[in-house]
Structures are given as C-alpha cells and as structure tokens.
Amino acid sequence: MPKEWTGNLVGLMHVHKITNKMLGDEMGVTDRYVSMVLNGHREPPDAETRFTEAVNALISEQDQHSTT
C-alpha cells in the first residue's frame, strides 16, 4: 500500500505536468523504479525526502523557464 506522501507527490506532479520519466531523469533512476516507489512496491528509507526534493527541483526549473 502506498504511503500518504506518495499521493500528495503524485498530485503535485500532475498539477505541474511532471512525468515519472522526468522525475526519474532528475533522480538518476528509471521511470519504472519511480513507479514502483510511488505505487508502494518499493520503500527505500529516504524515498520521501529524495522524491520530494527532486519534484521541487523540477518545479523550480519550470518556474525559471516560465519567467524568462
């Protein structure tokens, strides 16, 4: 069963049009691994922090591109 944070993160990804592939590229992992973690099939100990930081970095990147 996925953790609560994954639902919040998936919602944030949806709002900002961030795909599993984009997130995987940012983190240096495959989109399949991203999917496994977000669906609760893998539970690495630092996942919430790593995934949240990566999504925030992608959002920040998008914000920089939209203001230039």
C-alpha atoms as a PDB file:
ATOM      1  CA  MET A   1       0.000   0.000   0.000  1.00  0.00           C
ATOM      2  CA  PRO A   2       1.415   3.408  -0.960  1.00  0.00           C
ATOM      3  CA  LYS A   3       2.294   5.859   1.775  1.00  0.00           C
ATOM      4  CA  GLU A   4       0.298   9.079   2.165  1.00  0.00           C
ATOM      5  CA  TRP A   5       3.191  11.207   0.941  1.00  0.00           C
ATOM      6  CA  THR A   6       3.156   9.439  -2.423  1.00  0.00           C
ATOM      7  CA  GLY A   7      -0.435  10.523  -3.083  1.00  0.00           C
ATOM      8  CA  ASN A   8       0.440  14.116  -2.298  1.00  0.00           C
ATOM      9  CA  LEU A   9       3.517  13.922  -4.505  1.00  0.00           C
ATOM     10  CA  VAL A  10       1.632  12.358  -7.425  1.00  0.00           C
ATOM     11  CA  GLY A  11      -0.945  15.150  -7.154  1.00  0.00           C
ATOM     12  CA  LEU A  12       1.808  17.760  -7.241  1.00  0.00           C
ATOM     13  CA  MET A  13       3.390  16.015 -10.218  1.00  0.00           C
ATOM     14  CA  HIS A  14       0.040  16.036 -12.024  1.00  0.00           C
ATOM     15  CA  VAL A  15      -0.534  19.745 -11.406  1.00  0.00           C
ATOM     16  CA  HIS A  16       2.931  20.585 -12.739  1.00  0.00           C
ATOM     17  CA  LYS A  17       2.828  18.034 -15.586  1.00  0.00           C
ATOM     18  CA  ILE A  18       5.843  16.125 -14.265  1.00  0.00           C
ATOM     19  CA  THR A  19       6.074  12.576 -15.606  1.00  0.00           C
ATOM     20  CA  ASN A  20       7.693   9.563 -13.967  1.00  0.00           C
ATOM     21  CA  LYS A  21      10.318   9.758 -16.718  1.00  0.00           C
ATOM     22  CA  MET A  22      11.116  13.384 -15.896  1.00  0.00           C
ATOM     23  CA  LEU A  23      11.339  12.564 -12.197  1.00  0.00           C
ATOM     24  CA  GLY A  24      13.495   9.508 -12.857  1.00  0.00           C
ATOM     25  CA  ASP A  25      15.861  11.536 -15.038  1.00  0.00           C
ATOM     26  CA  GLU A  26      16.177  14.158 -12.297  1.00  0.00           C
ATOM     27  CA  MET A  27      16.941  11.467  -9.709  1.00  0.00           C
ATOM     28  CA  GLY A  28      19.152   9.274 -11.876  1.00  0.00           C
ATOM     29  CA  VAL A  29      16.782   6.288 -11.722  1.00  0.00           C
ATOM     30  CA  THR A  30      14.393   4.649 -14.180  1.00  0.00           C
ATOM     31  CA  ASP A  31      10.784   5.643 -14.611  1.00  0.00           C
ATOM     32  CA  ARG A  32       9.923   2.056 -13.673  1.00  0.00           C
ATOM     33  CA  TYR A  33      11.650   2.474 -10.302  1.00  0.00           C
ATOM     34  CA  VAL A  34       9.794   5.763  -9.756  1.00  0.00           C
ATOM     35  CA  SER A  35       6.540   3.947 -10.449  1.00  0.00           C
ATOM     36  CA  MET A  36       7.407   1.109  -8.050  1.00  0.00           C
ATOM     37  CA  VAL A  37       8.120   3.554  -5.223  1.00  0.00           C
ATOM     38  CA  LEU A  38       5.072   5.736  -5.862  1.00  0.00           C
ATOM     39  CA  ASN A  39       2.846   2.649  -6.000  1.00  0.00           C
ATOM     40  CA  GLY A  40       4.228   1.241  -2.751  1.00  0.00           C
ATOM     41  CA  HIS A  41       6.100  -1.721  -4.262  1.00  0.00           C
ATOM     42  CA  ARG A  42       9.459  -0.376  -3.046  1.00  0.00           C
ATOM     43  CA  GLU A  43      10.067   1.532   0.176  1.00  0.00           C
ATOM     44  CA  PRO A  44      13.620   2.844   0.332  1.00  0.00           C
ATOM     45  CA  PRO A  45      14.250   4.566   3.679  1.00  0.00           C
ATOM     46  CA  ASP A  46      14.945   8.048   2.294  1.00  0.00           C
ATOM     47  CA  ALA A  47      12.404   7.981  -0.536  1.00  0.00           C
ATOM     48  CA  GLU A  48      10.113  10.730   0.718  1.00  0.00           C
ATOM     49  CA  THR A  49      12.959  13.224   1.037  1.00  0.00           C
ATOM     50  CA  ARG A  50      14.659  12.290  -2.235  1.00  0.00           C
ATOM     51  CA  PHE A  51      11.463  12.262  -4.290  1.00  0.00           C
ATOM     52  CA  THR A  52      10.153  15.497  -2.780  1.00  0.00           C
ATOM     53  CA  GLU A  53      13.443  17.300  -3.373  1.00  0.00           C
ATOM     54  CA  ALA A  54      13.548  16.096  -6.981  1.00  0.00           C
ATOM     55  CA  VAL A  55       9.962  17.190  -7.676  1.00  0.00           C
ATOM     56  CA  ASN A  56      10.639  20.579  -6.076  1.00  0.00           C
ATOM     57  CA  ALA A  57      13.756  20.964  -8.248  1.00  0.00           C
ATOM     58  CA  LEU A  58      11.721  20.221 -11.384  1.00  0.00           C
ATOM     59  CA  ILE A  59       9.035  22.724 -10.348  1.00  0.00           C
ATOM     60  CA  SER A  60      11.698  25.348  -9.679  1.00  0.00           C
ATOM     61  CA  GLU A  61      13.193  24.652 -13.100  1.00  0.00           C
ATOM     62  CA  GLN A  62       9.779  25.088 -14.722  1.00  0.00           C
ATOM     63  CA  ASP A  63       9.255  28.355 -12.843  1.00  0.00           C
ATOM     64  CA  GLN A  64      12.602  29.691 -14.080  1.00  0.00           C
ATOM     65  CA  HIS A  65      11.721  28.818 -17.668  1.00  0.00           C
ATOM     66  CA  SER A  66       8.277  30.417 -17.452  1.00  0.00           C
ATOM     67  CA  THR A  67       9.665  33.741 -16.227  1.00  0.00           C
ATOM     68  CA  THR A  68      12.320  34.074 -18.925  1.00  0.00           C
END
